[in-house]
Amino acid sequence: IVAAISHDYRQALNLMEDAIFFGCSPGSFKKLINAAGLKESQYIIMETIIPPKHAEIFGLRRPFYFYVISIRNQTGQ
């Protein structure tokens, strides 16, 4: 998962100058995101409400997180 996060982040840097990605997951990916090389200043993670469809699969007791990841390509600046 770490290699995939790192690869996708590098691809986004190569394809876009500035972008914001967001999503959510059961459980936190913070350690994986850090291991992939992203700095904590590049993302925000917040615990959030479990969407009803996900609660059917994961249950109500599992923490659910919302992510906002910023891509700011510094090349050419």
N, C-alpha and C. Protein backbone atom coordinates (compact mmCIF):
# COMPACT_ATOMS: atom_id res chain seq x y z
N ILE A 1 0.84 -1.19 0.00
CA ILE A 1 0.00 0.00 0.00
C ILE A 1 0.88 1.25 0.00
N VAL A 2 1.99 1.21 0.75
CA VAL A 2 2.89 2.36 0.82
C VAL A 2 3.45 2.67 -0.57
N ALA A 3 3.87 1.64 -1.30
CA ALA A 3 4.42 1.84 -2.65
C ALA A 3 3.36 2.43 -3.58
N ALA A 4 2.12 1.99 -3.45
CA ALA A 4 1.04 2.50 -4.29
C ALA A 4 0.74 3.96 -3.98
N ILE A 5 0.71 4.31 -2.69
CA ILE A 5 0.46 5.71 -2.30
C ILE A 5 1.59 6.59 -2.84
N SER A 6 2.82 6.15 -2.65
CA SER A 6 3.98 6.92 -3.12
C SER A 6 3.95 7.09 -4.64
N HIS A 7 3.65 6.02 -5.36
CA HIS A 7 3.58 6.07 -6.83
C HIS A 7 2.49 7.03 -7.29
N ASP A 8 1.29 6.89 -6.70
CA ASP A 8 0.18 7.75 -7.10
C ASP A 8 0.47 9.22 -6.80
N TYR A 9 1.12 9.49 -5.67
CA TYR A 9 1.46 10.87 -5.33
C TYR A 9 2.46 11.44 -6.34
N ARG A 10 3.49 10.67 -6.68
CA ARG A 10 4.48 11.13 -7.68
C ARG A 10 3.81 11.35 -9.03
N GLN A 11 2.91 10.47 -9.42
CA GLN A 11 2.18 10.64 -10.69
C GLN A 11 1.37 11.93 -10.67
N ALA A 12 0.70 12.20 -9.56
CA ALA A 12 -0.08 13.43 -9.45
C ALA A 12 0.82 14.66 -9.55
N LEU A 13 2.00 14.60 -8.93
CA LEU A 13 2.94 15.72 -9.04
C LEU A 13 3.38 15.95 -10.48
N ASN A 14 3.56 14.86 -11.23
CA ASN A 14 3.99 14.97 -12.62
C ASN A 14 2.89 15.47 -13.55
N LEU A 15 1.64 15.21 -13.20
CA LEU A 15 0.53 15.54 -14.09
C LEU A 15 -0.18 16.86 -13.77
N MET A 16 -0.09 17.31 -12.53
CA MET A 16 -0.85 18.49 -12.10
C MET A 16 0.04 19.47 -11.36
N GLU A 17 -0.26 20.75 -11.51
CA GLU A 17 0.48 21.75 -10.76
C GLU A 17 -0.07 21.89 -9.35
N ASP A 18 -1.36 22.06 -9.23
CA ASP A 18 -2.02 22.20 -7.93
C ASP A 18 -3.30 21.38 -7.96
N ALA A 19 -3.53 20.59 -6.92
CA ALA A 19 -4.75 19.80 -6.85
C ALA A 19 -5.03 19.44 -5.40
N ILE A 20 -6.27 19.13 -5.13
CA ILE A 20 -6.66 18.65 -3.81
C ILE A 20 -7.45 17.37 -4.01
N PHE A 21 -7.04 16.33 -3.31
CA PHE A 21 -7.73 15.04 -3.33
C PHE A 21 -8.38 14.83 -1.98
N PHE A 22 -9.53 14.15 -1.99
CA PHE A 22 -10.17 13.84 -0.72
C PHE A 22 -10.83 12.48 -0.80
N GLY A 23 -11.02 11.89 0.34
CA GLY A 23 -11.66 10.59 0.42
C GLY A 23 -11.80 10.16 1.86
N CYS A 24 -12.33 8.96 2.07
CA CYS A 24 -12.48 8.47 3.42
C CYS A 24 -12.21 6.97 3.46
N SER A 25 -11.91 6.49 4.65
CA SER A 25 -11.60 5.07 4.82
C SER A 25 -11.91 4.62 6.24
N PRO A 26 -12.21 3.33 6.39
CA PRO A 26 -12.28 2.79 7.75
C PRO A 26 -10.86 2.60 8.24
N GLY A 27 -10.58 3.06 9.43
CA GLY A 27 -9.21 2.99 9.94
C GLY A 27 -8.36 4.10 9.35
N SER A 28 -7.26 4.39 9.99
CA SER A 28 -6.40 5.50 9.57
C SER A 28 -5.26 5.02 8.68
N PHE A 29 -4.97 5.79 7.65
CA PHE A 29 -3.83 5.52 6.77
C PHE A 29 -2.65 6.44 7.10
N LYS A 30 -2.68 7.11 8.24
CA LYS A 30 -1.66 8.11 8.56
C LYS A 30 -0.25 7.52 8.51
N LYS A 31 -0.01 6.39 9.12
CA LYS A 31 1.33 5.78 9.11
C LYS A 31 1.74 5.41 7.69
N LEU A 32 0.80 4.92 6.90
CA LEU A 32 1.10 4.55 5.52
C LEU A 32 1.43 5.78 4.67
N ILE A 33 0.68 6.85 4.87
CA ILE A 33 0.91 8.09 4.12
C ILE A 33 2.28 8.66 4.48
N ASN A 34 2.61 8.65 5.77
CA ASN A 34 3.93 9.13 6.20
C ASN A 34 5.04 8.26 5.62
N ALA A 35 4.86 6.95 5.65
CA ALA A 35 5.86 6.03 5.11
C ALA A 35 6.03 6.21 3.61
N ALA A 36 4.99 6.69 2.93
CA ALA A 36 5.05 6.93 1.48
C ALA A 36 5.79 8.21 1.14
N GLY A 37 6.16 8.99 2.16
CA GLY A 37 6.96 10.19 1.93
C GLY A 37 6.22 11.51 1.95
N LEU A 38 4.94 11.50 2.21
CA LEU A 38 4.21 12.77 2.30
C LEU A 38 4.48 13.41 3.65
N LYS A 39 4.59 14.72 3.65
CA LYS A 39 4.80 15.47 4.88
C LYS A 39 3.45 15.77 5.52
N GLU A 40 3.44 15.88 6.84
CA GLU A 40 2.17 16.14 7.53
C GLU A 40 1.56 17.47 7.13
N SER A 41 2.34 18.38 6.58
CA SER A 41 1.80 19.66 6.11
C SER A 41 1.05 19.51 4.79
N GLN A 42 1.13 18.34 4.16
CA GLN A 42 0.49 18.12 2.86
C GLN A 42 -0.88 17.47 2.97
N TYR A 43 -1.29 17.09 4.17
CA TYR A 43 -2.58 16.43 4.31
C TYR A 43 -3.22 16.72 5.66
N ILE A 44 -4.53 16.49 5.70
CA ILE A 44 -5.31 16.61 6.93
C ILE A 44 -6.12 15.33 7.05
N ILE A 45 -6.17 14.78 8.24
CA ILE A 45 -6.98 13.60 8.51
C ILE A 45 -7.90 13.93 9.68
N MET A 46 -9.20 13.68 9.48
CA MET A 46 -10.18 13.96 10.53
C MET A 46 -11.05 12.73 10.74
N GLU A 47 -11.32 12.39 12.00
CA GLU A 47 -12.28 11.32 12.26
C GLU A 47 -13.65 11.86 11.88
N THR A 48 -14.46 11.02 11.28
CA THR A 48 -15.74 11.48 10.75
C THR A 48 -16.83 10.45 11.01
N ILE A 49 -18.02 10.76 10.57
CA ILE A 49 -19.18 9.88 10.70
C ILE A 49 -19.08 8.77 9.65
N ILE A 50 -19.41 7.56 10.05
CA ILE A 50 -19.38 6.44 9.12
C ILE A 50 -20.59 6.54 8.19
N PRO A 51 -20.36 6.57 6.86
CA PRO A 51 -21.49 6.59 5.94
C PRO A 51 -22.35 5.33 6.12
N PRO A 52 -23.67 5.44 6.03
CA PRO A 52 -24.56 4.30 6.29
C PRO A 52 -24.21 3.04 5.48
N LYS A 53 -23.87 3.19 4.21
CA LYS A 53 -23.52 2.02 3.39
C LYS A 53 -22.27 1.32 3.92
N HIS A 54 -21.29 2.11 4.39
CA HIS A 54 -20.07 1.52 4.93
C HIS A 54 -20.33 0.88 6.29
N ALA A 55 -21.23 1.46 7.07
CA ALA A 55 -21.56 0.91 8.38
C ALA A 55 -22.14 -0.50 8.24
N GLU A 56 -22.87 -0.76 7.13
CA GLU A 56 -23.42 -2.09 6.90
C GLU A 56 -22.30 -3.12 6.76
N ILE A 57 -21.17 -2.70 6.21
CA ILE A 57 -20.05 -3.61 5.97
C ILE A 57 -19.09 -3.64 7.16
N PHE A 58 -18.69 -2.48 7.64
CA PHE A 58 -17.64 -2.38 8.66
C PHE A 58 -18.17 -2.30 10.09
N GLY A 59 -19.46 -2.06 10.26
CA GLY A 59 -20.01 -1.91 11.60
C GLY A 59 -19.87 -0.48 12.08
N LEU A 60 -20.51 -0.18 13.20
CA LEU A 60 -20.51 1.19 13.72
C LEU A 60 -19.36 1.47 14.67
N ARG A 61 -18.65 0.47 15.12
CA ARG A 61 -17.62 0.68 16.13
C ARG A 61 -16.24 0.95 15.54
N ARG A 62 -16.08 0.81 14.26
CA ARG A 62 -14.78 1.05 13.64
C ARG A 62 -14.62 2.53 13.33
N PRO A 63 -13.49 3.15 13.70
CA PRO A 63 -13.30 4.57 13.38
C PRO A 63 -13.22 4.78 11.87
N PHE A 64 -13.74 5.89 11.42
CA PHE A 64 -13.77 6.22 10.00
C PHE A 64 -13.12 7.58 9.84
N TYR A 65 -12.28 7.74 8.81
CA TYR A 65 -11.50 8.95 8.65
C TYR A 65 -11.71 9.60 7.28
N PHE A 66 -11.71 10.93 7.28
CA PHE A 66 -11.80 11.74 6.07
C PHE A 66 -10.42 12.35 5.81
N TYR A 67 -9.97 12.29 4.56
CA TYR A 67 -8.63 12.77 4.18
C TYR A 67 -8.74 13.90 3.17
N VAL A 68 -7.86 14.89 3.32
CA VAL A 68 -7.68 15.93 2.32
C VAL A 68 -6.17 15.99 2.06
N ILE A 69 -5.77 15.72 0.81
CA ILE A 69 -4.35 15.72 0.45
C ILE A 69 -4.12 16.79 -0.61
N SER A 70 -3.14 17.64 -0.36
CA SER A 70 -2.83 18.77 -1.26
C SER A 70 -1.62 18.43 -2.12
N ILE A 71 -1.76 18.70 -3.41
CA ILE A 71 -0.66 18.55 -4.37
C ILE A 71 -0.27 19.95 -4.81
N ARG A 72 0.92 20.34 -4.52
CA ARG A 72 1.41 21.64 -4.97
C ARG A 72 2.78 21.40 -5.59
N ASN A 73 2.83 21.45 -6.90
CA ASN A 73 4.07 21.20 -7.63
C ASN A 73 4.90 22.47 -7.62
N GLN A 74 6.08 22.40 -7.06
CA GLN A 74 6.95 23.57 -6.91
C GLN A 74 7.88 23.79 -8.11
N THR A 75 7.88 22.91 -9.10
CA THR A 75 8.76 23.09 -10.23
C THR A 75 8.35 24.31 -11.04
N GLY A 76 9.31 25.06 -11.48
CA GLY A 76 9.04 26.24 -12.28
C GLY A 76 8.72 27.47 -11.46
N GLN A 77 8.75 27.37 -10.14
CA GLN A 77 8.45 28.55 -9.31
C GLN A 77 9.71 29.07 -8.68
